[in-house]
N, C-alpha and C. Protein backbone atom coordinates (compact mmCIF):
# COMPACT_ATOMS: atom_id res chain seq x y z
N MET A 1 -37.02 10.57 44.98
CA MET A 1 -37.75 10.90 43.78
C MET A 1 -36.90 11.82 42.91
N LYS A 2 -36.97 11.57 41.61
CA LYS A 2 -36.23 12.37 40.63
C LYS A 2 -37.22 12.85 39.58
N VAL A 3 -37.27 14.16 39.34
CA VAL A 3 -38.26 14.77 38.46
C VAL A 3 -37.59 15.46 37.29
N ALA A 4 -38.13 15.24 36.09
CA ALA A 4 -37.71 15.97 34.89
C ALA A 4 -38.72 17.10 34.68
N ILE A 5 -38.24 18.31 34.44
CA ILE A 5 -39.13 19.46 34.25
C ILE A 5 -38.73 20.22 33.01
N ALA A 6 -39.73 20.73 32.29
CA ALA A 6 -39.45 21.54 31.10
C ALA A 6 -40.64 22.44 30.81
N SER A 7 -40.38 23.45 30.03
CA SER A 7 -41.45 24.33 29.55
C SER A 7 -41.07 24.85 28.18
N ASP A 8 -42.08 25.36 27.49
CA ASP A 8 -41.78 26.14 26.30
C ASP A 8 -41.73 27.60 26.74
N HIS A 9 -41.69 28.51 25.79
CA HIS A 9 -41.61 29.94 26.11
C HIS A 9 -42.79 30.44 26.93
N GLY A 10 -43.93 29.79 26.83
CA GLY A 10 -45.13 30.21 27.54
C GLY A 10 -45.20 29.77 28.99
N GLY A 11 -44.22 28.98 29.43
CA GLY A 11 -44.27 28.46 30.79
C GLY A 11 -43.03 28.68 31.62
N VAL A 12 -42.15 29.56 31.16
CA VAL A 12 -40.85 29.77 31.82
C VAL A 12 -41.01 30.24 33.26
N ASN A 13 -41.91 31.17 33.52
CA ASN A 13 -42.04 31.72 34.87
C ASN A 13 -42.53 30.69 35.87
N ILE A 14 -43.55 29.93 35.51
CA ILE A 14 -44.05 28.91 36.43
C ILE A 14 -43.03 27.78 36.59
N ARG A 15 -42.29 27.47 35.53
CA ARG A 15 -41.24 26.45 35.66
C ARG A 15 -40.25 26.86 36.76
N GLU A 16 -39.88 28.13 36.78
CA GLU A 16 -38.95 28.60 37.82
C GLU A 16 -39.58 28.49 39.21
N GLU A 17 -40.87 28.79 39.33
CA GLU A 17 -41.57 28.64 40.61
C GLU A 17 -41.55 27.20 41.08
N ILE A 18 -41.80 26.27 40.17
CA ILE A 18 -41.85 24.85 40.54
C ILE A 18 -40.46 24.34 40.90
N LYS A 19 -39.45 24.83 40.22
CA LYS A 19 -38.08 24.46 40.60
C LYS A 19 -37.77 24.94 42.01
N SER A 20 -38.18 26.15 42.34
CA SER A 20 -37.99 26.68 43.69
C SER A 20 -38.73 25.82 44.72
N LEU A 21 -39.95 25.43 44.39
CA LEU A 21 -40.72 24.54 45.27
C LEU A 21 -39.99 23.23 45.49
N MET A 22 -39.48 22.63 44.42
CA MET A 22 -38.78 21.35 44.56
C MET A 22 -37.49 21.51 45.37
N ASP A 23 -36.82 22.65 45.24
CA ASP A 23 -35.66 22.92 46.10
C ASP A 23 -36.09 22.92 47.56
N GLU A 24 -37.19 23.61 47.86
CA GLU A 24 -37.71 23.67 49.23
C GLU A 24 -38.11 22.29 49.74
N MET A 25 -38.66 21.45 48.86
CA MET A 25 -39.11 20.11 49.24
C MET A 25 -37.96 19.10 49.21
N LYS A 26 -36.78 19.56 48.80
CA LYS A 26 -35.59 18.72 48.68
C LYS A 26 -35.83 17.54 47.73
N ILE A 27 -36.45 17.87 46.59
CA ILE A 27 -36.71 16.91 45.53
C ILE A 27 -35.69 17.13 44.44
N GLU A 28 -35.02 16.06 44.04
CA GLU A 28 -34.03 16.13 42.96
C GLU A 28 -34.75 16.31 41.62
N TYR A 29 -34.22 17.21 40.80
CA TYR A 29 -34.82 17.43 39.49
C TYR A 29 -33.75 17.84 38.49
N GLU A 30 -34.13 17.71 37.22
CA GLU A 30 -33.29 18.21 36.13
C GLU A 30 -34.16 19.06 35.22
N ASP A 31 -33.67 20.22 34.85
CA ASP A 31 -34.39 21.17 34.01
C ASP A 31 -33.98 20.96 32.55
N PHE A 32 -34.97 20.69 31.71
CA PHE A 32 -34.72 20.45 30.29
C PHE A 32 -35.13 21.64 29.41
N GLY A 33 -35.23 22.84 30.01
CA GLY A 33 -35.46 24.05 29.23
C GLY A 33 -36.92 24.37 29.09
N CYS A 34 -37.20 25.39 28.31
CA CYS A 34 -36.33 26.13 27.41
C CYS A 34 -35.72 27.33 28.13
N GLU A 35 -34.67 27.83 27.57
CA GLU A 35 -33.96 28.97 28.15
C GLU A 35 -34.12 30.19 27.25
N CYS A 36 -35.38 30.50 26.90
CA CYS A 36 -35.59 31.59 25.96
C CYS A 36 -36.92 32.27 26.22
N GLY A 37 -37.07 33.45 25.67
CA GLY A 37 -38.33 34.16 25.73
C GLY A 37 -39.01 34.21 24.39
N THR A 38 -38.36 33.65 23.39
CA THR A 38 -38.94 33.66 22.05
C THR A 38 -39.67 32.34 21.81
N SER A 39 -40.53 32.34 20.83
CA SER A 39 -41.36 31.18 20.53
C SER A 39 -40.54 29.95 20.16
N VAL A 40 -40.89 28.83 20.80
CA VAL A 40 -40.29 27.53 20.50
C VAL A 40 -41.42 26.52 20.35
N ASP A 41 -41.10 25.33 19.89
CA ASP A 41 -42.09 24.28 19.68
C ASP A 41 -42.18 23.37 20.89
N TYR A 42 -43.35 23.32 21.52
CA TYR A 42 -43.53 22.55 22.76
C TYR A 42 -43.17 21.06 22.64
N PRO A 43 -43.39 20.38 21.49
CA PRO A 43 -42.99 18.97 21.44
C PRO A 43 -41.49 18.76 21.66
N ASP A 44 -40.69 19.75 21.30
CA ASP A 44 -39.23 19.63 21.48
C ASP A 44 -38.85 19.54 22.96
N TYR A 45 -39.74 19.93 23.85
CA TYR A 45 -39.48 19.88 25.29
C TYR A 45 -40.32 18.80 25.97
N ALA A 46 -41.55 18.61 25.52
CA ALA A 46 -42.43 17.61 26.13
C ALA A 46 -41.96 16.19 25.85
N LEU A 47 -41.59 15.92 24.61
CA LEU A 47 -41.25 14.54 24.25
C LEU A 47 -39.99 14.02 24.96
N PRO A 48 -38.90 14.77 25.04
CA PRO A 48 -37.74 14.27 25.79
C PRO A 48 -38.04 14.00 27.26
N VAL A 49 -38.81 14.88 27.90
CA VAL A 49 -39.16 14.65 29.30
C VAL A 49 -40.00 13.38 29.42
N ALA A 50 -41.00 13.23 28.58
CA ALA A 50 -41.86 12.05 28.63
C ALA A 50 -41.05 10.77 28.38
N GLU A 51 -40.14 10.80 27.42
CA GLU A 51 -39.32 9.63 27.14
C GLU A 51 -38.44 9.26 28.34
N LYS A 52 -37.89 10.26 29.01
CA LYS A 52 -37.03 9.99 30.17
C LYS A 52 -37.83 9.42 31.34
N VAL A 53 -39.08 9.83 31.49
CA VAL A 53 -39.94 9.24 32.52
C VAL A 53 -40.32 7.83 32.11
N ALA A 54 -40.71 7.65 30.87
CA ALA A 54 -41.14 6.34 30.39
C ALA A 54 -40.03 5.29 30.48
N ASN A 55 -38.78 5.70 30.24
CA ASN A 55 -37.69 4.71 30.29
C ASN A 55 -37.09 4.55 31.68
N GLY A 56 -37.64 5.26 32.66
CA GLY A 56 -37.21 5.07 34.04
C GLY A 56 -36.06 5.92 34.52
N GLU A 57 -35.56 6.83 33.67
CA GLU A 57 -34.49 7.71 34.12
C GLU A 57 -34.98 8.68 35.19
N PHE A 58 -36.27 9.04 35.12
CA PHE A 58 -36.90 9.93 36.09
C PHE A 58 -38.19 9.30 36.56
N ASP A 59 -38.56 9.58 37.81
CA ASP A 59 -39.80 9.04 38.37
C ASP A 59 -41.03 9.77 37.87
N LYS A 60 -40.91 11.08 37.72
CA LYS A 60 -42.03 11.90 37.30
C LYS A 60 -41.54 13.03 36.41
N GLY A 61 -42.49 13.65 35.70
CA GLY A 61 -42.17 14.80 34.87
C GLY A 61 -43.19 15.90 35.07
N ILE A 62 -42.75 17.14 34.90
CA ILE A 62 -43.63 18.30 34.97
C ILE A 62 -43.38 19.14 33.73
N LEU A 63 -44.47 19.50 33.04
CA LEU A 63 -44.39 20.25 31.80
C LEU A 63 -45.29 21.48 31.88
N ILE A 64 -44.80 22.62 31.43
CA ILE A 64 -45.58 23.85 31.47
C ILE A 64 -45.49 24.55 30.11
N CYS A 65 -46.64 24.95 29.60
CA CYS A 65 -46.68 25.81 28.42
C CYS A 65 -47.76 26.85 28.68
N GLY A 66 -48.21 27.54 27.66
CA GLY A 66 -49.20 28.59 27.87
C GLY A 66 -50.49 28.07 28.46
N THR A 67 -51.03 26.99 27.89
CA THR A 67 -52.27 26.39 28.39
C THR A 67 -52.06 25.03 29.03
N GLY A 68 -50.95 24.39 28.75
CA GLY A 68 -50.70 23.02 29.20
C GLY A 68 -51.24 21.99 28.22
N ILE A 69 -52.06 22.42 27.30
CA ILE A 69 -52.72 21.48 26.38
C ILE A 69 -51.72 20.83 25.43
N GLY A 70 -50.91 21.64 24.76
CA GLY A 70 -49.95 21.08 23.80
C GLY A 70 -48.97 20.13 24.47
N MET A 71 -48.45 20.53 25.62
CA MET A 71 -47.51 19.68 26.35
C MET A 71 -48.15 18.34 26.71
N SER A 72 -49.41 18.38 27.19
CA SER A 72 -50.06 17.13 27.61
C SER A 72 -50.34 16.23 26.41
N ILE A 73 -50.75 16.81 25.30
CA ILE A 73 -51.00 16.00 24.10
C ILE A 73 -49.71 15.32 23.65
N ALA A 74 -48.63 16.10 23.57
CA ALA A 74 -47.35 15.53 23.13
C ALA A 74 -46.86 14.45 24.08
N ALA A 75 -46.89 14.71 25.38
CA ALA A 75 -46.39 13.74 26.36
C ALA A 75 -47.18 12.44 26.30
N ASN A 76 -48.48 12.53 26.10
CA ASN A 76 -49.31 11.32 26.08
C ASN A 76 -49.12 10.46 24.83
N LYS A 77 -48.34 10.93 23.87
CA LYS A 77 -48.01 10.12 22.70
C LYS A 77 -46.91 9.10 23.03
N VAL A 78 -46.23 9.28 24.14
CA VAL A 78 -45.13 8.40 24.53
C VAL A 78 -45.70 7.22 25.32
N LYS A 79 -45.41 6.03 24.86
CA LYS A 79 -45.88 4.81 25.52
C LYS A 79 -45.43 4.79 26.98
N GLY A 80 -46.39 4.54 27.86
CA GLY A 80 -46.08 4.46 29.28
C GLY A 80 -46.33 5.75 30.04
N ILE A 81 -46.69 6.79 29.33
CA ILE A 81 -46.94 8.08 29.98
C ILE A 81 -48.43 8.26 30.21
N ARG A 82 -48.74 8.71 31.41
CA ARG A 82 -50.09 9.12 31.78
C ARG A 82 -49.95 10.56 32.28
N CYS A 83 -50.10 11.49 31.36
CA CYS A 83 -49.94 12.91 31.66
C CYS A 83 -51.31 13.53 31.87
N ALA A 84 -51.45 14.26 32.97
CA ALA A 84 -52.70 14.95 33.26
C ALA A 84 -52.49 16.45 33.20
N LEU A 85 -53.39 17.12 32.52
CA LEU A 85 -53.43 18.58 32.49
C LEU A 85 -54.26 19.01 33.70
N VAL A 86 -53.65 19.73 34.62
CA VAL A 86 -54.29 20.05 35.90
C VAL A 86 -54.20 21.54 36.19
N HIS A 87 -55.35 22.11 36.59
CA HIS A 87 -55.40 23.52 36.96
C HIS A 87 -56.11 23.74 38.29
N ASP A 88 -56.26 22.67 39.10
CA ASP A 88 -56.84 22.81 40.43
C ASP A 88 -56.26 21.73 41.33
N VAL A 89 -56.28 21.98 42.62
CA VAL A 89 -55.65 21.09 43.60
C VAL A 89 -56.38 19.76 43.71
N PHE A 90 -57.71 19.77 43.67
CA PHE A 90 -58.46 18.52 43.76
C PHE A 90 -58.07 17.56 42.64
N SER A 91 -57.99 18.06 41.42
CA SER A 91 -57.62 17.20 40.28
C SER A 91 -56.19 16.68 40.41
N ALA A 92 -55.30 17.50 40.95
CA ALA A 92 -53.91 17.07 41.16
C ALA A 92 -53.88 15.87 42.10
N LYS A 93 -54.65 15.95 43.16
CA LYS A 93 -54.71 14.85 44.13
C LYS A 93 -55.35 13.61 43.50
N ALA A 94 -56.48 13.81 42.84
CA ALA A 94 -57.21 12.68 42.26
C ALA A 94 -56.43 11.98 41.16
N THR A 95 -55.73 12.75 40.34
CA THR A 95 -55.03 12.12 39.23
C THR A 95 -53.85 11.26 39.69
N ARG A 96 -53.27 11.60 40.81
CA ARG A 96 -52.22 10.74 41.38
C ARG A 96 -52.85 9.52 42.05
N GLN A 97 -53.88 9.75 42.86
CA GLN A 97 -54.50 8.66 43.61
C GLN A 97 -55.21 7.65 42.71
N HIS A 98 -55.89 8.13 41.68
CA HIS A 98 -56.75 7.26 40.88
C HIS A 98 -56.15 6.85 39.54
N ASN A 99 -55.31 7.70 38.95
CA ASN A 99 -54.81 7.43 37.59
C ASN A 99 -53.34 7.11 37.54
N ASP A 100 -52.65 7.21 38.66
CA ASP A 100 -51.21 6.94 38.72
C ASP A 100 -50.45 7.73 37.65
N THR A 101 -50.80 9.01 37.50
CA THR A 101 -50.14 9.83 36.49
C THR A 101 -48.66 9.99 36.83
N ASN A 102 -47.87 10.02 35.78
CA ASN A 102 -46.42 10.17 35.97
C ASN A 102 -45.89 11.46 35.36
N VAL A 103 -46.75 12.22 34.70
CA VAL A 103 -46.38 13.54 34.18
C VAL A 103 -47.54 14.50 34.47
N LEU A 104 -47.17 15.70 34.93
CA LEU A 104 -48.12 16.76 35.22
C LEU A 104 -47.92 17.87 34.20
N ALA A 105 -49.01 18.37 33.62
CA ALA A 105 -48.95 19.52 32.72
C ALA A 105 -49.79 20.64 33.30
N MET A 106 -49.28 21.86 33.16
CA MET A 106 -50.00 23.05 33.63
C MET A 106 -49.83 24.17 32.60
N GLY A 107 -50.75 25.14 32.66
CA GLY A 107 -50.70 26.28 31.75
C GLY A 107 -50.46 27.58 32.48
N GLU A 108 -49.36 28.24 32.15
CA GLU A 108 -49.01 29.51 32.81
C GLU A 108 -50.00 30.62 32.51
N ARG A 109 -50.66 30.57 31.36
CA ARG A 109 -51.63 31.61 31.02
C ARG A 109 -53.00 31.32 31.61
N VAL A 110 -53.12 30.18 32.30
CA VAL A 110 -54.38 29.77 32.89
C VAL A 110 -54.38 29.95 34.40
N ILE A 111 -53.26 29.64 35.04
CA ILE A 111 -53.16 29.74 36.50
C ILE A 111 -51.94 30.58 36.89
N GLY A 112 -51.96 31.08 38.09
CA GLY A 112 -50.85 31.87 38.59
C GLY A 112 -49.83 31.02 39.31
N PRO A 113 -48.73 31.63 39.70
CA PRO A 113 -47.63 30.89 40.33
C PRO A 113 -47.99 30.27 41.67
N GLY A 114 -48.81 30.95 42.47
CA GLY A 114 -49.18 30.39 43.77
C GLY A 114 -49.98 29.11 43.64
N LEU A 115 -50.98 29.12 42.77
CA LEU A 115 -51.78 27.92 42.54
C LEU A 115 -50.93 26.83 41.90
N ALA A 116 -50.07 27.18 40.98
CA ALA A 116 -49.19 26.19 40.35
C ALA A 116 -48.33 25.48 41.39
N ARG A 117 -47.81 26.22 42.36
CA ARG A 117 -47.01 25.62 43.44
C ARG A 117 -47.86 24.66 44.27
N GLU A 118 -49.10 25.06 44.60
CA GLU A 118 -49.98 24.19 45.38
C GLU A 118 -50.28 22.90 44.62
N ILE A 119 -50.60 23.03 43.35
CA ILE A 119 -50.90 21.87 42.51
C ILE A 119 -49.69 20.93 42.47
N ALA A 120 -48.52 21.49 42.18
CA ALA A 120 -47.32 20.66 42.08
C ALA A 120 -46.99 19.98 43.40
N ALA A 121 -47.13 20.70 44.52
CA ALA A 121 -46.83 20.11 45.83
C ALA A 121 -47.73 18.92 46.12
N VAL A 122 -49.01 19.06 45.83
CA VAL A 122 -49.94 17.95 46.05
C VAL A 122 -49.62 16.80 45.10
N TRP A 123 -49.43 17.11 43.84
CA TRP A 123 -49.16 16.07 42.84
C TRP A 123 -47.87 15.32 43.16
N LEU A 124 -46.86 16.02 43.62
CA LEU A 124 -45.57 15.38 43.93
C LEU A 124 -45.62 14.50 45.17
N THR A 125 -46.56 14.74 46.07
CA THR A 125 -46.59 14.00 47.33
C THR A 125 -47.68 12.94 47.43
N GLU A 126 -48.71 13.03 46.62
CA GLU A 126 -49.78 12.03 46.67
C GLU A 126 -49.31 10.70 46.13
N GLU A 127 -49.85 9.63 46.69
CA GLU A 127 -49.53 8.27 46.26
C GLU A 127 -50.70 7.67 45.48
N TYR A 128 -50.37 6.76 44.59
CA TYR A 128 -51.38 6.00 43.85
C TYR A 128 -52.06 5.02 44.80
N GLU A 129 -53.39 4.99 44.80
CA GLU A 129 -54.13 4.12 45.70
C GLU A 129 -54.20 2.68 45.23
N GLY A 130 -54.08 2.44 43.93
CA GLY A 130 -54.22 1.08 43.43
C GLY A 130 -55.64 0.59 43.66
N GLY A 131 -55.78 -0.63 44.15
CA GLY A 131 -57.10 -1.18 44.46
C GLY A 131 -58.04 -1.14 43.29
N ARG A 132 -59.19 -0.53 43.50
CA ARG A 132 -60.23 -0.48 42.46
C ARG A 132 -59.77 0.26 41.21
N HIS A 133 -58.72 1.07 41.33
CA HIS A 133 -58.23 1.84 40.18
C HIS A 133 -57.26 1.02 39.31
N GLU A 134 -56.72 -0.04 39.88
CA GLU A 134 -55.70 -0.83 39.16
C GLU A 134 -56.24 -1.42 37.87
N ASN A 135 -57.46 -1.90 37.87
CA ASN A 135 -58.04 -2.48 36.66
C ASN A 135 -58.16 -1.44 35.56
N ARG A 136 -58.54 -0.22 35.93
CA ARG A 136 -58.72 0.85 34.95
C ARG A 136 -57.39 1.29 34.34
N VAL A 137 -56.40 1.49 35.19
CA VAL A 137 -55.07 1.85 34.69
C VAL A 137 -54.50 0.69 33.88
N GLY A 138 -54.78 -0.53 34.31
CA GLY A 138 -54.33 -1.71 33.57
C GLY A 138 -54.89 -1.78 32.16
N LYS A 139 -56.13 -1.36 31.98
CA LYS A 139 -56.74 -1.35 30.65
C LYS A 139 -56.00 -0.38 29.73
N ILE A 140 -55.55 0.74 30.28
CA ILE A 140 -54.78 1.70 29.48
C ILE A 140 -53.45 1.08 29.09
N LYS A 141 -52.78 0.45 30.04
CA LYS A 141 -51.49 -0.19 29.75
C LYS A 141 -51.67 -1.31 28.72
N ASP A 142 -52.72 -2.09 28.85
CA ASP A 142 -52.99 -3.17 27.89
C ASP A 142 -53.20 -2.62 26.48
N TYR A 143 -53.95 -1.53 26.38
CA TYR A 143 -54.20 -0.93 25.07
C TYR A 143 -52.89 -0.45 24.44
N GLU A 144 -52.02 0.15 25.25
CA GLU A 144 -50.73 0.61 24.74
C GLU A 144 -49.89 -0.54 24.19
N ASN A 145 -50.05 -1.71 24.75
CA ASN A 145 -49.22 -2.86 24.37
C ASN A 145 -49.79 -3.68 23.22
N LYS A 146 -50.88 -3.22 22.60
CA LYS A 146 -51.46 -3.93 21.44
C LYS A 146 -50.53 -3.89 20.26
């Protein structure tokens, strides 16, 4: 598995926590920034990560900003991306199993580093169940292809 990860200024600390987690899990990743403490525009980081996942350069993406909302909105504008904003472990598990999400968004001002690590660990390891969920995910893919 290869993961693209990025944050804006509001998610730098949790991004570092998730990178440490992926090191521990021996998951290959590439960090797309930001490398600053000053205000930056979240689409400048969300869109490149989403595009790299959508075109197959990376299997999954993780995006962090202050709330996770802006990152998830931007990522979901990219065709082929199913980005979920997650702030609890149950949703992390369900969104992989039922929605086949390929990008995870979290908010550093909403959750702490420990919970962020738990969410990411579950999201990175859960598999898509397919089956009864395939028709639903298929409807999303069909709509994108109109």
